[in-house]
PDB file of all heavy atoms in Angstrom:
ATOM      1  N   TYR A   1     121.013  57.907-105.078  1.00  0.00           N
ATOM      2  CA  TYR A   1     120.831  58.807-103.944  1.00  0.00           C
ATOM      3  C   TYR A   1     120.428  60.201-104.413  1.00  0.00           C
ATOM      4  O   TYR A   1     119.552  60.838-103.828  1.00  0.00           O
ATOM      5  CB  TYR A   1     122.103  58.859-103.091  1.00  0.00           C
ATOM      6  CG  TYR A   1     121.894  59.662-101.830  1.00  0.00           C
ATOM      7  CD1 TYR A   1     121.269  59.092-100.731  1.00  0.00           C
ATOM      8  CD2 TYR A   1     122.287  60.994-101.757  1.00  0.00           C
ATOM      9  CE1 TYR A   1     121.046  59.824 -99.577  1.00  0.00           C
ATOM     10  CE2 TYR A   1     122.077  61.737-100.607  1.00  0.00           C
ATOM     11  CZ  TYR A   1     121.448  61.149 -99.527  1.00  0.00           C
ATOM     12  OH  TYR A   1     121.221  61.884 -98.383  1.00  0.00           O
ATOM     13  N   SER A   2     121.047  60.674-105.486  1.00  0.00           N
ATOM     14  CA  SER A   2     120.738  62.021-105.979  1.00  0.00           C
ATOM     15  C   SER A   2     119.306  62.129-106.492  1.00  0.00           C
ATOM     16  O   SER A   2     118.755  63.230-106.534  1.00  0.00           O
ATOM     17  CB  SER A   2     121.731  62.443-107.067  1.00  0.00           C
ATOM     18  OG  SER A   2     121.506  61.711-108.248  1.00  0.00           O
ATOM     19  N   ARG A   3     118.688  61.007-106.867  1.00  0.00           N
ATOM     20  CA  ARG A   3     117.299  61.030-107.330  1.00  0.00           C
ATOM     21  C   ARG A   3     116.285  61.028-106.179  1.00  0.00           C
ATOM     22  O   ARG A   3     115.105  61.257-106.408  1.00  0.00           O
ATOM     23  CB  ARG A   3     117.028  59.831-108.250  1.00  0.00           C
ATOM     24  CG  ARG A   3     117.677  59.941-109.619  1.00  0.00           C
ATOM     25  CD  ARG A   3     117.177  58.865-110.572  1.00  0.00           C
ATOM     26  NE  ARG A   3     117.428  57.521-110.087  1.00  0.00           N
ATOM     27  CZ  ARG A   3     118.525  56.810-110.308  1.00  0.00           C
ATOM     28  NH1 ARG A   3     119.516  57.343-111.025  1.00  0.00           N
ATOM     29  NH2 ARG A   3     118.670  55.585-109.834  1.00  0.00           N
ATOM     30  N   LEU A   4     116.732  60.743-104.965  1.00  0.00           N
ATOM     31  CA  LEU A   4     115.820  60.751-103.826  1.00  0.00           C
ATOM     32  C   LEU A   4     115.361  62.167-103.513  1.00  0.00           C
ATOM     33  O   LEU A   4     116.128  63.118-103.651  1.00  0.00           O
ATOM     34  CB  LEU A   4     116.508  60.178-102.583  1.00  0.00           C
ATOM     35  CG  LEU A   4     116.883  58.712-102.589  1.00  0.00           C
ATOM     36  CD1 LEU A   4     117.681  58.387-101.329  1.00  0.00           C
ATOM     37  CD2 LEU A   4     115.649  57.823-102.689  1.00  0.00           C
ATOM     38  N   SER A   5     114.132  62.291-103.053  1.00  0.00           N
ATOM     39  CA  SER A   5     113.652  63.590-102.597  1.00  0.00           C
ATOM     40  C   SER A   5     114.424  63.988-101.343  1.00  0.00           C
ATOM     41  O   SER A   5     114.979  63.124-100.643  1.00  0.00           O
ATOM     42  CB  SER A   5     112.160  63.509-102.279  1.00  0.00           C
ATOM     43  OG  SER A   5     111.959  62.684-101.133  1.00  0.00           O
ATOM     44  N   PRO A   6     114.472  65.283-101.026  1.00  0.00           N
ATOM     45  CA  PRO A   6     115.129  65.696 -99.782  1.00  0.00           C
ATOM     46  C   PRO A   6     114.561  64.971 -98.551  1.00  0.00           C
ATOM     47  O   PRO A   6     115.321  64.615 -97.645  1.00  0.00           O
ATOM     48  CB  PRO A   6     114.876  67.204 -99.723  1.00  0.00           C
ATOM     49  CG  PRO A   6     114.759  67.604-101.161  1.00  0.00           C
ATOM     50  CD  PRO A   6     114.043  66.442-101.818  1.00  0.00           C
ATOM     51  N   GLU A   7     113.264  64.716 -98.530  1.00  0.00           N
ATOM     52  CA  GLU A   7     112.667  64.000 -97.403  1.00  0.00           C
ATOM     53  C   GLU A   7     113.193  62.567 -97.314  1.00  0.00           C
ATOM     54  O   GLU A   7     113.543  62.092 -96.229  1.00  0.00           O
ATOM     55  CB  GLU A   7     111.141  63.980 -97.515  1.00  0.00           C
ATOM     56  CG  GLU A   7     110.488  63.246 -96.359  1.00  0.00           C
ATOM     57  CD  GLU A   7     108.973  63.195 -96.444  1.00  0.00           C
ATOM     58  OE1 GLU A   7     108.400  63.666 -97.451  1.00  0.00           O
ATOM     59  OE2 GLU A   7     108.364  62.676 -95.498  1.00  0.00           O
ATOM     60  N   SER A   8     113.274  61.873 -98.424  1.00  0.00           N
ATOM     61  CA  SER A   8     113.787  60.500 -98.415  1.00  0.00           C
ATOM     62  C   SER A   8     115.259  60.477 -98.028  1.00  0.00           C
ATOM     63  O   SER A   8     115.695  59.576 -97.315  1.00  0.00           O
ATOM     64  CB  SER A   8     113.579  59.834 -99.771  1.00  0.00           C
ATOM     65  OG  SER A   8     112.202  59.609 -99.996  1.00  0.00           O
ATOM     66  N   GLN A   9     116.022  61.446 -98.497  1.00  0.00           N
ATOM     67  CA  GLN A   9     117.428  61.531 -98.095  1.00  0.00           C
ATOM     68  C   GLN A   9     117.543  61.737 -96.585  1.00  0.00           C
ATOM     69  O   GLN A   9     118.347  61.093 -95.924  1.00  0.00           O
ATOM     70  CB  GLN A   9     118.127  62.679 -98.832  1.00  0.00           C
ATOM     71  CG  GLN A   9     118.306  62.436-100.307  1.00  0.00           C
ATOM     72  CD  GLN A   9     118.873  63.643-101.031  1.00  0.00           C
ATOM     73  OE1 GLN A   9     118.914  64.757-100.496  1.00  0.00           O
ATOM     74  NE2 GLN A   9     119.305  63.435-102.271  1.00  0.00           N
ATOM     75  N   TYR A  10     116.724  62.628 -96.050  1.00  0.00           N
ATOM     76  CA  TYR A  10     116.752  62.898 -94.618  1.00  0.00           C
ATOM     77  C   TYR A  10     116.359  61.657 -93.817  1.00  0.00           C
ATOM     78  O   TYR A  10     117.000  61.319 -92.822  1.00  0.00           O
ATOM     79  CB  TYR A  10     115.810  64.064 -94.287  1.00  0.00           C
ATOM     80  CG  TYR A  10     115.870  64.473 -92.839  1.00  0.00           C
ATOM     81  CD1 TYR A  10     116.887  65.306 -92.384  1.00  0.00           C
ATOM     82  CD2 TYR A  10     114.932  64.021 -91.926  1.00  0.00           C
ATOM     83  CE1 TYR A  10     116.968  65.685 -91.058  1.00  0.00           C
ATOM     84  CE2 TYR A  10     115.005  64.385 -90.593  1.00  0.00           C
ATOM     85  CZ  TYR A  10     116.021  65.218 -90.169  1.00  0.00           C
ATOM     86  OH  TYR A  10     116.098  65.565 -88.847  1.00  0.00           O
ATOM     87  N   ARG A  11     115.331  60.956 -94.273  1.00  0.00           N
ATOM     88  CA  ARG A  11     114.893  59.748 -93.564  1.00  0.00           C
ATOM     89  C   ARG A  11     115.957  58.658 -93.588  1.00  0.00           C
ATOM     90  O   ARG A  11     116.054  57.858 -92.669  1.00  0.00           O
ATOM     91  CB  ARG A  11     113.586  59.230 -94.152  1.00  0.00           C
ATOM     92  CG  ARG A  11     112.418  60.100 -93.772  1.00  0.00           C
ATOM     93  CD  ARG A  11     111.120  59.625 -94.387  1.00  0.00           C
ATOM     94  NE  ARG A  11     110.084  60.575 -94.094  1.00  0.00           N
ATOM     95  CZ  ARG A  11     109.040  60.316 -93.325  1.00  0.00           C
ATOM     96  NH1 ARG A  11     108.889  59.139 -92.806  1.00  0.00           N
ATOM     97  NH2 ARG A  11     108.142  61.247 -93.099  1.00  0.00           N
ATOM     98  N   ARG A  12     116.771  58.609 -94.616  1.00  0.00           N
ATOM     99  CA  ARG A  12     117.815  57.587 -94.694  1.00  0.00           C
ATOM    100  C   ARG A  12     118.946  57.861 -93.706  1.00  0.00           C
ATOM    101  O   ARG A  12     119.417  56.970 -93.027  1.00  0.00           O
ATOM    102  CB  ARG A  12     118.357  57.497 -96.132  1.00  0.00           C
ATOM    103  CG  ARG A  12     119.622  56.673 -96.293  1.00  0.00           C
ATOM    104  CD  ARG A  12     119.452  55.237 -95.804  1.00  0.00           C
ATOM    105  NE  ARG A  12     120.669  54.468 -95.913  1.00  0.00           N
ATOM    106  CZ  ARG A  12     121.567  54.314 -94.935  1.00  0.00           C
ATOM    107  NH1 ARG A  12     121.396  54.901 -93.773  1.00  0.00           N
ATOM    108  NH2 ARG A  12     122.629  53.560 -95.130  1.00  0.00           N
ATOM    109  N   PHE A  13     119.404  59.101 -93.624  1.00  0.00           N
ATOM    110  CA  PHE A  13     120.568  59.407 -92.795  1.00  0.00           C
ATOM    111  C   PHE A  13     120.239  60.209 -91.532  1.00  0.00           C
ATOM    112  O   PHE A  13     121.130  60.525 -90.752  1.00  0.00           O
ATOM    113  CB  PHE A  13     121.635  60.138 -93.613  1.00  0.00           C
ATOM    114  CG  PHE A  13     122.338  59.232 -94.572  1.00  0.00           C
ATOM    115  CD1 PHE A  13     122.066  59.285 -95.928  1.00  0.00           C
ATOM    116  CD2 PHE A  13     123.267  58.304 -94.122  1.00  0.00           C
ATOM    117  CE1 PHE A  13     122.703  58.438 -96.820  1.00  0.00           C
ATOM    118  CE2 PHE A  13     123.914  57.450 -95.011  1.00  0.00           C
ATOM    119  CZ  PHE A  13     123.628  57.521 -96.361  1.00  0.00           C
ATOM    120  N   LEU A  14     118.964  60.570 -91.358  1.00  0.00           N
ATOM    121  CA  LEU A  14     118.511  61.318 -90.176  1.00  0.00           C
ATOM    122  C   LEU A  14     119.199  62.675 -90.049  1.00  0.00           C
ATOM    123  O   LEU A  14     119.355  63.216 -88.956  1.00  0.00           O
ATOM    124  CB  LEU A  14     118.699  60.504 -88.888  1.00  0.00           C
ATOM    125  CG  LEU A  14     118.133  59.080 -88.907  1.00  0.00           C
ATOM    126  CD1 LEU A  14     118.381  58.396 -87.573  1.00  0.00           C
ATOM    127  CD2 LEU A  14     116.667  59.057 -89.271  1.00  0.00           C
ATOM    128  N   THR A  15     119.610  63.203 -91.169  1.00  0.00           N
ATOM    129  CA  THR A  15     120.235  64.519 -91.229  1.00  0.00           C
ATOM    130  C   THR A  15     120.138  65.019 -92.668  1.00  0.00           C
ATOM    131  O   THR A  15     119.871  64.238 -93.580  1.00  0.00           O
ATOM    132  CB  THR A  15     121.715  64.453 -90.781  1.00  0.00           C
ATOM    133  OG1 THR A  15     122.215  65.781 -90.646  1.00  0.00           O
ATOM    134  CG2 THR A  15     122.582  63.679 -91.749  1.00  0.00           C
ATOM    135  N   VAL A  16     120.361  66.299 -92.845  1.00  0.00           N
ATOM    136  CA  VAL A  16     120.376  66.862 -94.197  1.00  0.00           C
ATOM    137  C   VAL A  16     121.678  66.426 -94.863  1.00  0.00           C
ATOM    138  O   VAL A  16     122.770  66.672 -94.344  1.00  0.00           O
ATOM    139  CB  VAL A  16     120.267  68.399 -94.149  1.00  0.00           C
ATOM    140  CG1 VAL A  16     120.409  68.990 -95.542  1.00  0.00           C
ATOM    141  CG2 VAL A  16     118.960  68.813 -93.502  1.00  0.00           C
ATOM    142  N   LYS A  17     121.551  65.733 -95.977  1.00  0.00           N
ATOM    143  CA  LYS A  17     122.701  65.245 -96.730  1.00  0.00           C
ATOM    144  C   LYS A  17     122.298  65.274 -98.204  1.00  0.00           C
ATOM    145  O   LYS A  17     121.814  64.290 -98.747  1.00  0.00           O
ATOM    146  CB  LYS A  17     123.073  63.826 -96.279  1.00  0.00           C
ATOM    147  CG  LYS A  17     124.346  63.295 -96.927  1.00  0.00           C
ATOM    148  CD  LYS A  17     124.643  61.878 -96.474  1.00  0.00           C
ATOM    149  CE  LYS A  17     125.464  61.792 -95.259  1.00  0.00           C
ATOM    150  NZ  LYS A  17     126.823  62.329 -95.349  1.00  0.00           N
ATOM    151  N   PRO A  18     122.478  66.430 -98.854  1.00  0.00           N
ATOM    152  CA  PRO A  18     122.005  66.571-100.235  1.00  0.00           C
ATOM    153  C   PRO A  18     122.745  65.715-101.261  1.00  0.00           C
ATOM    154  O   PRO A  18     122.253  65.497-102.351  1.00  0.00           O
ATOM    155  CB  PRO A  18     122.162  68.053-100.537  1.00  0.00           C
ATOM    156  CG  PRO A  18     123.065  68.594 -99.485  1.00  0.00           C
ATOM    157  CD  PRO A  18     123.025  67.659 -98.318  1.00  0.00           C
ATOM    158  N   ARG A  19     123.938  65.234-100.888  1.00  0.00           N
ATOM    159  CA  ARG A  19     124.664  64.350-101.803  1.00  0.00           C
ATOM    160  C   ARG A  19     125.576  63.447-100.979  1.00  0.00           C
ATOM    161  O   ARG A  19     125.932  63.758 -99.840  1.00  0.00           O
ATOM    162  CB  ARG A  19     125.475  65.135-102.830  1.00  0.00           C
ATOM    163  CG  ARG A  19     126.584  65.952-102.242  1.00  0.00           C
ATOM    164  CD  ARG A  19     127.392  66.693-103.318  1.00  0.00           C
ATOM    165  NE  ARG A  19     128.458  67.447-102.711  1.00  0.00           N
ATOM    166  CZ  ARG A  19     129.594  66.936-102.251  1.00  0.00           C
ATOM    167  NH1 ARG A  19     129.829  65.648-102.364  1.00  0.00           N
ATOM    168  NH2 ARG A  19     130.510  67.701-101.685  1.00  0.00           N
ATOM    169  N   LEU A  20     125.941  62.335-101.574  1.00  0.00           N
ATOM    170  CA  LEU A  20     126.896  61.439-100.928  1.00  0.00           C
ATOM    171  C   LEU A  20     128.303  61.943-101.195  1.00  0.00           C
ATOM    172  O   LEU A  20     128.636  62.275-102.337  1.00  0.00           O
ATOM    173  CB  LEU A  20     126.766  60.014-101.489  1.00  0.00           C
ATOM    174  CG  LEU A  20     125.481  59.263-101.190  1.00  0.00           C
ATOM    175  CD1 LEU A  20     125.511  57.889-101.881  1.00  0.00           C
ATOM    176  CD2 LEU A  20     125.263  59.099 -99.697  1.00  0.00           C
ATOM    177  N   SER A  21     129.112  61.991-100.173  1.00  0.00           N
ATOM    178  CA  SER A  21     130.513  62.351-100.366  1.00  0.00           C
ATOM    179  C   SER A  21     131.241  61.154-100.977  1.00  0.00           C
ATOM    180  O   SER A  21     130.720  60.034-101.001  1.00  0.00           O
ATOM    181  CB  SER A  21     131.161  62.717 -99.028  1.00  0.00           C
ATOM    182  OG  SER A  21     131.272  61.552 -98.218  1.00  0.00           O
ATOM    183  N   GLN A  22     132.452  61.376-101.433  1.00  0.00           N
ATOM    184  CA  GLN A  22     133.273  60.277-101.948  1.00  0.00           C
ATOM    185  C   GLN A  22     133.471  59.224-100.860  1.00  0.00           C
ATOM    186  O   GLN A  22     133.414  58.031-101.122  1.00  0.00           O
ATOM    187  CB  GLN A  22     134.628  60.810-102.419  1.00  0.00           C
ATOM    188  CG  GLN A  22     134.549  61.720-103.630  1.00  0.00           C
ATOM    189  CD  GLN A  22     134.193  60.930-104.891  1.00  0.00           C
ATOM    190  OE1 GLN A  22     134.473  59.750-105.023  1.00  0.00           O
ATOM    191  NE2 GLN A  22     133.548  61.607-105.824  1.00  0.00           N
ATOM    192  N   GLN A  23     133.695  59.683 -99.633  1.00  0.00           N
ATOM    193  CA  GLN A  23     133.902  58.777 -98.507  1.00  0.00           C
ATOM    194  C   GLN A  23     132.634  57.961 -98.228  1.00  0.00           C
ATOM    195  O   GLN A  23     132.704  56.759 -97.989  1.00  0.00           O
ATOM    196  CB  GLN A  23     134.314  59.562 -97.269  1.00  0.00           C
ATOM    197  CG  GLN A  23     134.664  58.704 -96.087  1.00  0.00           C
ATOM    198  CD  GLN A  23     135.154  59.534 -94.901  1.00  0.00           C
ATOM    199  OE1 GLN A  23     135.103  60.761 -94.904  1.00  0.00           O
ATOM    200  NE2 GLN A  23     135.632  58.846 -93.893  1.00  0.00           N
ATOM    201  N   ASP A  24     131.460  58.622 -98.274  1.00  0.00           N
ATOM    202  CA  ASP A  24     130.182  57.906 -98.080  1.00  0.00           C
ATOM    203  C   ASP A  24     130.024  56.812 -99.123  1.00  0.00           C
ATOM    204  O   ASP A  24     129.709  55.667 -98.801  1.00  0.00           O
ATOM    205  CB  ASP A  24     128.985  58.861 -98.221  1.00  0.00           C
ATOM    206  CG  ASP A  24     128.894  59.913 -97.149  1.00  0.00           C
ATOM    207  OD1 ASP A  24     129.380  59.690 -96.020  1.00  0.00           O
ATOM    208  OD2 ASP A  24     128.304  60.980 -97.448  1.00  0.00           O
ATOM    209  N   ALA A  25     130.214  57.182-100.380  1.00  0.00           N
ATOM    210  CA  ALA A  25     130.014  56.235-101.481  1.00  0.00           C
ATOM    211  C   ALA A  25     130.973  55.050-101.366  1.00  0.00           C
ATOM    212  O   ALA A  25     130.579  53.899-101.592  1.00  0.00           O
ATOM    213  CB  ALA A  25     130.178  56.939-102.823  1.00  0.00           C
ATOM    214  N   THR A  26     132.210  55.333-101.006  1.00  0.00           N
ATOM    215  CA  THR A  26     133.191  54.251-100.844  1.00  0.00           C
ATOM    216  C   THR A  26     132.743  53.305 -99.743  1.00  0.00           C
ATOM    217  O   THR A  26     132.752  52.073 -99.921  1.00  0.00           O
ATOM    218  CB  THR A  26     134.588  54.820-100.540  1.00  0.00           C
ATOM    219  OG1 THR A  26     134.993  55.612-101.664  1.00  0.00           O
ATOM    220  CG2 THR A  26     135.599  53.720-100.280  1.00  0.00           C
ATOM    221  N   TYR A  27     132.345  53.843 -98.594  1.00  0.00           N
ATOM    222  CA  TYR A  27     131.886  52.996 -97.492  1.00  0.00           C
ATOM    223  C   TYR A  27     130.664  52.155 -97.909  1.00  0.00           C
ATOM    224  O   TYR A  27     130.598  50.958 -97.626  1.00  0.00           O
ATOM    225  CB  TYR A  27     131.531  53.840 -96.261  1.00  0.00           C
ATOM    226  CG  TYR A  27     130.835  53.024 -95.207  1.00  0.00           C
ATOM    227  CD1 TYR A  27     131.554  52.151 -94.399  1.00  0.00           C
ATOM    228  CD2 TYR A  27     129.450  53.097 -95.050  1.00  0.00           C
ATOM    229  CE1 TYR A  27     130.916  51.359 -93.454  1.00  0.00           C
ATOM    230  CE2 TYR A  27     128.806  52.316 -94.102  1.00  0.00           C
ATOM    231  CZ  TYR A  27     129.537  51.454 -93.309  1.00  0.00           C
ATOM    232  OH  TYR A  27     128.898  50.671 -92.392  1.00  0.00           O
ATOM    233  N   LEU A  28     129.728  52.775 -98.590  1.00  0.00           N
ATOM    234  CA  LEU A  28     128.479  52.091 -98.929  1.00  0.00           C
ATOM    235  C   LEU A  28     128.665  50.958 -99.940  1.00  0.00           C
ATOM    236  O   LEU A  28     127.882  50.011 -99.948  1.00  0.00           O
ATOM    237  CB  LEU A  28     127.441  53.095 -99.422  1.00  0.00           C
ATOM    238  CG  LEU A  28     126.931  54.062 -98.346  1.00  0.00           C
ATOM    239  CD1 LEU A  28     126.068  55.148 -98.973  1.00  0.00           C
ATOM    240  CD2 LEU A  28     126.176  53.321 -97.251  1.00  0.00           C
ATOM    241  N   VAL A  29     129.676  51.045-100.797  1.00  0.00           N
ATOM    242  CA  VAL A  29     129.913  49.952-101.748  1.00  0.00           C
ATOM    243  C   VAL A  29     130.994  48.984-101.282  1.00  0.00           C
ATOM    244  O   VAL A  29     131.215  47.957-101.913  1.00  0.00           O
ATOM    245  CB  VAL A  29     130.244  50.444-103.180  1.00  0.00           C
ATOM    246  CG1 VAL A  29     129.078  51.232-103.763  1.00  0.00           C
ATOM    247  CG2 VAL A  29     131.534  51.222-103.225  1.00  0.00           C
ATOM    248  N   ASP A  30     131.632  49.294-100.168  1.00  0.00           N
ATOM    249  CA  ASP A  30     132.691  48.430 -99.650  1.00  0.00           C
ATOM    250  C   ASP A  30     132.077  47.319 -98.796  1.00  0.00           C
ATOM    251  O   ASP A  30     132.255  47.271 -97.585  1.00  0.00           O
ATOM    252  CB  ASP A  30     133.699  49.252 -98.848  1.00  0.00           C
ATOM    253  CG  ASP A  30     134.933  48.443 -98.486  1.00  0.00           C
ATOM    254  OD1 ASP A  30     135.201  47.428 -99.157  1.00  0.00           O
ATOM    255  OD2 ASP A  30     135.621  48.833 -97.527  1.00  0.00           O
ATOM    256  N   VAL A  31     131.331  46.454 -99.442  1.00  0.00           N
ATOM    257  CA  VAL A  31     130.646  45.356 -98.762  1.00  0.00           C
ATOM    258  C   VAL A  31     131.493  44.089 -98.871  1.00  0.00           C
ATOM    259  O   VAL A  31     132.200  43.894 -99.854  1.00  0.00           O
ATOM    260  CB  VAL A  31     129.241  45.122 -99.353  1.00  0.00           C
ATOM    261  CG1 VAL A  31     128.341  46.323 -99.116  1.00  0.00           C
ATOM    262  CG2 VAL A  31     129.297  44.818-100.837  1.00  0.00           C
ATOM    263  N   ASP A  32     131.424  43.251 -97.846  1.00  0.00           N
ATOM    264  CA  ASP A  32     132.167  41.989 -97.897  1.00  0.00           C
ATOM    265  C   ASP A  32     131.230  40.786 -98.042  1.00  0.00           C
ATOM    266  O   ASP A  32     131.683  39.659 -98.180  1.00  0.00           O
ATOM    267  CB  ASP A  32     133.068  41.833 -96.671  1.00  0.00           C
ATOM    268  CG  ASP A  32     132.297  41.750 -95.363  1.00  0.00           C
ATOM    269  OD1 ASP A  32     131.068  41.549 -95.369  1.00  0.00           O
ATOM    270  OD2 ASP A  32     132.942  41.887 -94.309  1.00  0.00           O
ATOM    271  N   GLY A  33     129.926  41.033 -98.020  1.00  0.00           N
ATOM    272  CA  GLY A  33     128.967  39.944 -98.197  1.00  0.00           C
ATOM    273  C   GLY A  33     128.691  39.142 -96.941  1.00  0.00           C
ATOM    274  O   GLY A  33     127.848  38.247 -96.948  1.00  0.00           O
ATOM    275  N   ASP A  34     129.384  39.453 -95.857  1.00  0.00           N
ATOM    276  CA  ASP A  34     129.176  38.728 -94.599  1.00  0.00           C
ATOM    277  C   ASP A  34     128.901  39.703 -93.458  1.00  0.00           C
ATOM    278  O   ASP A  34     127.813  39.718 -92.909  1.00  0.00           O
ATOM    279  CB  ASP A  34     130.392  37.858 -94.284  1.00  0.00           C
ATOM    280  CG  ASP A  34     130.144  36.925 -93.111  1.00  0.00           C
ATOM    281  OD1 ASP A  34     129.100  36.249 -93.093  1.00  0.00           O
ATOM    282  OD2 ASP A  34     131.000  36.889 -92.207  1.00  0.00           O
ATOM    283  N   ASP A  35     129.877  40.529 -93.112  1.00  0.00           N
ATOM    284  CA  ASP A  35     129.681  41.521 -92.054  1.00  0.00           C
ATOM    285  C   ASP A  35     128.961  42.764 -92.560  1.00  0.00           C
ATOM    286  O   ASP A  35     128.308  43.463 -91.797  1.00  0.00           O
ATOM    287  CB  ASP A  35     131.020  41.939 -91.449  1.00  0.00           C
ATOM    288  CG  ASP A  35     131.671  40.813 -90.668  1.00  0.00           C
ATOM    289  OD1 ASP A  35     130.946  39.944 -90.147  1.00  0.00           O
ATOM    290  OD2 ASP A  35     132.915  40.790 -90.588  1.00  0.00           O
ATOM    291  N   HIS A  36     129.111  43.046 -93.817  1.00  0.00           N
ATOM    292  CA  HIS A  36     128.443  44.193 -94.456  1.00  0.00           C
ATOM    293  C   HIS A  36     127.842  43.681 -95.760  1.00  0.00           C
ATOM    294  O   HIS A  36     128.566  43.347 -96.692  1.00  0.00           O
ATOM    295  CB  HIS A  36     129.451  45.310 -94.708  1.00  0.00           C
ATOM    296  CG  HIS A  36     128.854  46.564 -95.243  1.00  0.00           C
ATOM    297  ND1 HIS A  36     129.605  47.709 -95.426  1.00  0.00           N
ATOM    298  CD2 HIS A  36     127.596  46.889 -95.637  1.00  0.00           C
ATOM    299  CE1 HIS A  36     128.827  48.674 -95.909  1.00  0.00           C
ATOM    300  NE2 HIS A  36     127.604  48.184 -96.059  1.00  0.00           N
ATOM    301  N   MET A  37     126.531  43.603 -95.788  1.00  0.00           N
ATOM    302  CA  MET A  37     125.819  43.035 -96.930  1.00  0.00           C
ATOM    303  C   MET A  37     124.797  44.035 -97.434  1.00  0.00           C
ATOM    304  O   MET A  37     124.137  44.698 -96.638  1.00  0.00           O
ATOM    305  CB  MET A  37     125.105  41.742 -96.472  1.00  0.00           C
ATOM    306  CG  MET A  37     124.264  41.087 -97.508  1.00  0.00           C
ATOM    307  SD  MET A  37     125.327  40.444 -98.813  1.00  0.00           S
ATOM    308  CE  MET A  37     124.138  40.057-100.054  1.00  0.00           C
ATOM    309  N   ALA A  38     124.676  44.155 -98.737  1.00  0.00           N
ATOM    310  CA  ALA A  38     123.674  45.046 -99.314  1.00  0.00           C
ATOM    311  C   ALA A  38     123.051  44.400-100.541  1.00  0.00           C
ATOM    312  O   ALA A  38     123.737  43.742-101.332  1.00  0.00           O
ATOM    313  CB  ALA A  38     124.289  46.392 -99.674  1.00  0.00           C
ATOM    314  N   LEU A  39     121.755  44.612-100.678  1.00  0.00           N
ATOM    315  CA  LEU A  39     120.989  44.167-101.837  1.00  0.00           C
ATOM    316  C   LEU A  39     120.479  45.410-102.555  1.00  0.00           C
ATOM    317  O   LEU A  39     120.127  46.401-101.901  1.00  0.00           O
ATOM    318  CB  LEU A  39     119.795  43.311-101.407  1.00  0.00           C
ATOM    319  CG  LEU A  39     120.108  42.071-100.589  1.00  0.00           C
ATOM    320  CD1 LEU A  39     118.815  41.442-100.062  1.00  0.00           C
ATOM    321  CD2 LEU A  39     120.899  41.071-101.417  1.00  0.00           C
ATOM    322  N   VAL A  40     120.430  45.363-103.867  1.00  0.00           N
ATOM    323  CA  VAL A  40     119.876  46.471-104.640  1.00  0.00           C
ATOM    324  C   VAL A  40     118.766  45.949-105.539  1.00  0.00           C
ATOM    325  O   VAL A  40     118.751  44.778-105.925  1.00  0.00           O
ATOM    326  CB  VAL A  40     120.943  47.201-105.491  1.00  0.00           C
ATOM    327  CG1 VAL A  40     121.994  47.846-104.602  1.00  0.00           C
ATOM    328  CG2 VAL A  40     121.579  46.290-106.506  1.00  0.00           C
ATOM    329  N   ALA A  41     117.841  46.855-105.855  1.00  0.00           N
ATOM    330  CA  ALA A  41     116.776  46.557-106.808  1.00  0.00           C
ATOM    331  C   ALA A  41     116.953  47.456-108.021  1.00  0.00           C
ATOM    332  O   ALA A  41     117.239  48.651-107.874  1.00  0.00           O
ATOM    333  CB  ALA A  41     115.403  46.786-106.168  1.00  0.00           C
ATOM    334  N   THR A  42     116.800  46.865-109.204  1.00  0.00           N
ATOM    335  CA  THR A  42     116.904  47.604-110.463  1.00  0.00           C
ATOM    336  C   THR A  42     115.709  47.241-111.330  1.00  0.00           C
ATOM    337  O   THR A  42     115.301  46.076-111.363  1.00  0.00           O
ATOM    338  CB  THR A  42     118.209  47.262-111.218  1.00  0.00           C
ATOM    339  OG1 THR A  42     118.196  45.872-111.567  1.00  0.00           O
ATOM    340  CG2 THR A  42     119.438  47.573-110.383  1.00  0.00           C
ATOM    341  N   PRO A  43     115.111  48.202-112.041  1.00  0.00           N
ATOM    342  CA  PRO A  43     113.999  47.872-112.929  1.00  0.00           C
ATOM    343  C   PRO A  43     114.455  46.918-114.031  1.00  0.00           C
ATOM    344  O   PRO A  43     115.593  47.009-114.508  1.00  0.00           O
ATOM    345  CB  PRO A  43     113.589  49.221-113.533  1.00  0.00           C
ATOM    346  CG  PRO A  43     114.170  50.250-112.612  1.00  0.00           C
ATOM    347  CD  PRO A  43     115.405  49.627-112.035  1.00  0.00           C
ATOM    348  N   LEU A  44     113.566  46.016-114.422  1.00  0.00           N
ATOM    349  CA  LEU A  44     113.917  45.076-115.490  1.00  0.00           C
ATOM    350  C   LEU A  44     114.327  45.795-116.764  1.00  0.00           C
ATOM    351  O   LEU A  44     115.243  45.356-117.455  1.00  0.00           O
ATOM    352  CB  LEU A  44     112.730  44.154-115.799  1.00  0.00           C
ATOM    353  CG  LEU A  44     112.415  43.074-114.785  1.00  0.00           C
ATOM    354  CD1 LEU A  44     111.251  42.219-115.274  1.00  0.00           C
ATOM    355  CD2 LEU A  44     113.615  42.221-114.474  1.00  0.00           C
ATOM    356  N   ASP A  45     113.640  46.909-117.054  1.00  0.00           N
ATOM    357  CA  ASP A  45     113.922  47.617-118.299  1.00  0.00           C
ATOM    358  C   ASP A  45     115.093  48.609-118.173  1.00  0.00           C
ATOM    359  O   ASP A  45     115.483  49.222-119.158  1.00  0.00           O
ATOM    360  CB  ASP A  45     112.669  48.340-118.805  1.00  0.00           C
ATOM    361  CG  ASP A  45     112.110  49.340-117.810  1.00  0.00           C
ATOM    362  OD1 ASP A  45     112.522  49.334-116.631  1.00  0.00           O
ATOM    363  OD2 ASP A  45     111.241  50.140-118.220  1.00  0.00           O
ATOM    364  N   GLN A  46     115.653  48.761-116.961  1.00  0.00           N
ATOM    365  CA  GLN A  46     116.802  49.646-116.746  1.00  0.00           C
ATOM    366  C   GLN A  46     117.747  48.979-115.741  1.00  0.00           C
ATOM    367  O   GLN A  46     117.891  49.439-114.615  1.00  0.00           O
ATOM    368  CB  GLN A  46     116.345  51.000-116.206  1.00  0.00           C
ATOM    369  CG  GLN A  46     115.493  51.796-117.177  1.00  0.00           C
ATOM    370  CD  GLN A  46     115.008  53.074-116.509  1.00  0.00           C
ATOM    371  OE1 GLN A  46     114.275  53.044-115.538  1.00  0.00           O
ATOM    372  NE2 GLN A  46     115.448  54.198-117.046  1.00  0.00           N
ATOM    373  N   PRO A  47     118.431  47.922-116.140  1.00  0.00           N
ATOM    374  CA  PRO A  47     119.222  47.144-115.192  1.00  0.00           C
ATOM    375  C   PRO A  47     120.404  47.892-114.577  1.00  0.00           C
ATOM    376  O   PRO A  47     120.963  47.435-113.587  1.00  0.00           O
ATOM    377  CB  PRO A  47     119.701  45.954-116.015  1.00  0.00           C
ATOM    378  CG  PRO A  47     119.583  46.388-117.433  1.00  0.00           C
ATOM    379  CD  PRO A  47     118.461  47.376-117.492  1.00  0.00           C
TER     380      PRO A  47
END
């Protein structure tokens, strides 16, 4: 998230959010695989 441009950050949350709070980060990784599912992409050379 910190590597996103300010425009990309704004487009994701529809508000100015220069960094994820601890609460944001906890919510975003607290997936159960059924009701809350997330996929990530990582470069092959930087897994």
